Structure formats: structure tokens, C-alpha cells
Amino acid sequence: MARSRHVEAITEKKGLAALGLDNAIRLRWALRDIQAKRLKWNPVSRDDLQTLIDMGYVEMKGEEPVLTLTGMDEKEIGD
């Protein structure tokens, strides 16, 4: 029983990975676009932006989304 809990703890996904591969890839690209200020050409959907805000990866500064330190760390995981 203890071994099974250990295996579950190891395989538990964190961050964007917990949302599934397709979502993690799309949201990681959204983080890159936000950081590079490419939103005029590649706008992030409202749902994706809200997900990133809820996860603590993005915050709004006026009308503009910016990455938090946690968001920068999460973006680096995929680079």
C-alpha cells in the first residue's frame, strides 16, 4: 500500500502538465506570446488567459497580461 502511494506521488503531474498534453502545449505557447508581447498577432483566448491567471502564471497590469515569476518558471519547463 505504501509503495502504491509512492508511485502515485511520482506520477502525479503538476503545473500545465496536469491539464493534458494538448492544453499544456497551447498554454505554454500562450505564455511565450505574452512574454514576447506578440498578442496583437497571436491573441490568447479569454478562457486560456483566465486559466493562466487562475493558476498564478499571469497577472493583468492595466489592460496588458504579464507573466509572474511562477509563469516564467513554468514557461522554462517546456523550453
C-alpha atoms as a PDB file:
ATOM      1  CA  MET A   1       0.000   0.000   0.000  1.00  0.00           C
ATOM      2  CA  ALA A   2       2.773   2.474   0.881  1.00  0.00           C
ATOM      3  CA  ARG A   3       4.561   1.630  -2.370  1.00  0.00           C
ATOM      4  CA  SER A   4       1.419   2.413  -4.386  1.00  0.00           C
ATOM      5  CA  ARG A   5       1.165   5.860  -2.766  1.00  0.00           C
ATOM      6  CA  HIS A   6       4.829   6.459  -3.593  1.00  0.00           C
ATOM      7  CA  VAL A   7       4.247   5.563  -7.241  1.00  0.00           C
ATOM      8  CA  GLU A   8       1.185   7.841  -7.381  1.00  0.00           C
ATOM      9  CA  ALA A   9       3.199  10.705  -5.917  1.00  0.00           C
ATOM     10  CA  ILE A  10       5.912  10.246  -8.528  1.00  0.00           C
ATOM     11  CA  THR A  11       3.496  10.104 -11.466  1.00  0.00           C
ATOM     12  CA  GLU A  12       1.298  12.999 -10.292  1.00  0.00           C
ATOM     13  CA  LYS A  13       1.628  15.816 -12.804  1.00  0.00           C
ATOM     14  CA  LYS A  14       1.991  19.431 -11.770  1.00  0.00           C
ATOM     15  CA  GLY A  15       1.504  22.784 -13.410  1.00  0.00           C
ATOM     16  CA  LEU A  16       0.374  22.888 -17.014  1.00  0.00           C
ATOM     17  CA  ALA A  17       1.209  19.188 -17.441  1.00  0.00           C
ATOM     18  CA  ALA A  18      -1.738  18.361 -15.194  1.00  0.00           C
ATOM     19  CA  LEU A  19      -4.068  19.788 -17.857  1.00  0.00           C
ATOM     20  CA  GLY A  20      -3.103  17.277 -20.545  1.00  0.00           C
ATOM     21  CA  LEU A  21      -0.545  17.419 -23.328  1.00  0.00           C
ATOM     22  CA  ASP A  22      -2.532  19.483 -25.863  1.00  0.00           C
ATOM     23  CA  ASN A  23      -3.583  22.039 -23.262  1.00  0.00           C
ATOM     24  CA  ALA A  24      -0.073  22.250 -21.802  1.00  0.00           C
ATOM     25  CA  ILE A  25       1.450  22.917 -25.226  1.00  0.00           C
ATOM     26  CA  ARG A  26      -1.149  25.559 -26.150  1.00  0.00           C
ATOM     27  CA  LEU A  27      -0.876  27.325 -22.791  1.00  0.00           C
ATOM     28  CA  ARG A  28       2.926  27.222 -22.801  1.00  0.00           C
ATOM     29  CA  TRP A  29       2.860  28.919 -26.227  1.00  0.00           C
ATOM     30  CA  ALA A  30       0.453  31.479 -24.782  1.00  0.00           C
ATOM     31  CA  LEU A  31       2.988  32.185 -22.012  1.00  0.00           C
ATOM     32  CA  ARG A  32       5.701  32.690 -24.651  1.00  0.00           C
ATOM     33  CA  ASP A  33       3.456  35.006 -26.677  1.00  0.00           C
ATOM     34  CA  ILE A  34       2.571  37.055 -23.593  1.00  0.00           C
ATOM     35  CA  GLN A  35       6.222  37.405 -22.595  1.00  0.00           C
ATOM     36  CA  ALA A  36       7.268  38.398 -26.141  1.00  0.00           C
ATOM     37  CA  LYS A  37       4.297  40.807 -26.427  1.00  0.00           C
ATOM     38  CA  ARG A  38       3.011  39.048 -29.573  1.00  0.00           C
ATOM     39  CA  LEU A  39      -0.643  39.311 -28.575  1.00  0.00           C
ATOM     40  CA  LYS A  40      -1.533  41.582 -31.474  1.00  0.00           C
ATOM     41  CA  TRP A  41      -0.643  38.784 -33.923  1.00  0.00           C
ATOM     42  CA  ASN A  42      -1.416  35.799 -31.680  1.00  0.00           C
ATOM     43  CA  PRO A  43      -4.193  36.771 -29.283  1.00  0.00           C
ATOM     44  CA  VAL A  44      -4.737  34.453 -26.339  1.00  0.00           C
ATOM     45  CA  SER A  45      -8.317  33.270 -25.887  1.00  0.00           C
ATOM     46  CA  ARG A  46     -10.202  34.603 -22.867  1.00  0.00           C
ATOM     47  CA  ASP A  47     -10.545  31.086 -21.454  1.00  0.00           C
ATOM     48  CA  ASP A  48      -6.820  30.388 -21.784  1.00  0.00           C
ATOM     49  CA  LEU A  49      -5.931  33.755 -20.277  1.00  0.00           C
ATOM     50  CA  GLN A  50      -8.287  33.122 -17.362  1.00  0.00           C
ATOM     51  CA  THR A  51      -6.756  29.663 -16.830  1.00  0.00           C
ATOM     52  CA  LEU A  52      -3.260  31.170 -16.712  1.00  0.00           C
ATOM     53  CA  ILE A  53      -4.421  33.877 -14.289  1.00  0.00           C
ATOM     54  CA  ASP A  54      -6.171  31.314 -12.064  1.00  0.00           C
ATOM     55  CA  MET A  55      -3.007  29.184 -11.981  1.00  0.00           C
ATOM     56  CA  GLY A  56      -0.944  32.223 -10.952  1.00  0.00           C
ATOM     57  CA  TYR A  57       1.165  32.316 -14.136  1.00  0.00           C
ATOM     58  CA  VAL A  58      -0.175  35.619 -15.476  1.00  0.00           C
ATOM     59  CA  GLU A  59      -1.445  38.830 -13.933  1.00  0.00           C
ATOM     60  CA  MET A  60      -3.007  41.860 -15.520  1.00  0.00           C
ATOM     61  CA  LYS A  61      -1.179  45.187 -15.453  1.00  0.00           C
ATOM     62  CA  GLY A  62      -3.837  47.565 -16.698  1.00  0.00           C
ATOM     63  CA  GLU A  63      -5.102  46.030 -19.944  1.00  0.00           C
ATOM     64  CA  GLU A  64      -1.944  44.001 -20.565  1.00  0.00           C
ATOM     65  CA  PRO A  65      -1.240  40.467 -19.327  1.00  0.00           C
ATOM     66  CA  VAL A  66       2.254  39.889 -17.931  1.00  0.00           C
ATOM     67  CA  LEU A  67       3.973  36.772 -16.673  1.00  0.00           C
ATOM     68  CA  THR A  68       4.512  36.292 -12.958  1.00  0.00           C
ATOM     69  CA  LEU A  69       7.717  34.712 -11.673  1.00  0.00           C
ATOM     70  CA  THR A  70       5.833  31.430 -11.414  1.00  0.00           C
ATOM     71  CA  GLY A  71       4.720  31.847 -15.022  1.00  0.00           C
ATOM     72  CA  MET A  72       8.300  32.419 -16.133  1.00  0.00           C
ATOM     73  CA  ASP A  73       9.376  29.258 -14.332  1.00  0.00           C
ATOM     74  CA  GLU A  74       6.553  27.252 -15.925  1.00  0.00           C
ATOM     75  CA  LYS A  75       7.437  28.561 -19.392  1.00  0.00           C
ATOM     76  CA  GLU A  76      11.032  27.449 -18.898  1.00  0.00           C
ATOM     77  CA  ILE A  77       9.960  23.888 -18.134  1.00  0.00           C
ATOM     78  CA  GLY A  78       8.889  23.490 -21.749  1.00  0.00           C
ATOM     79  CA  ASP A  79      11.904  25.247 -23.293  1.00  0.00           C
END
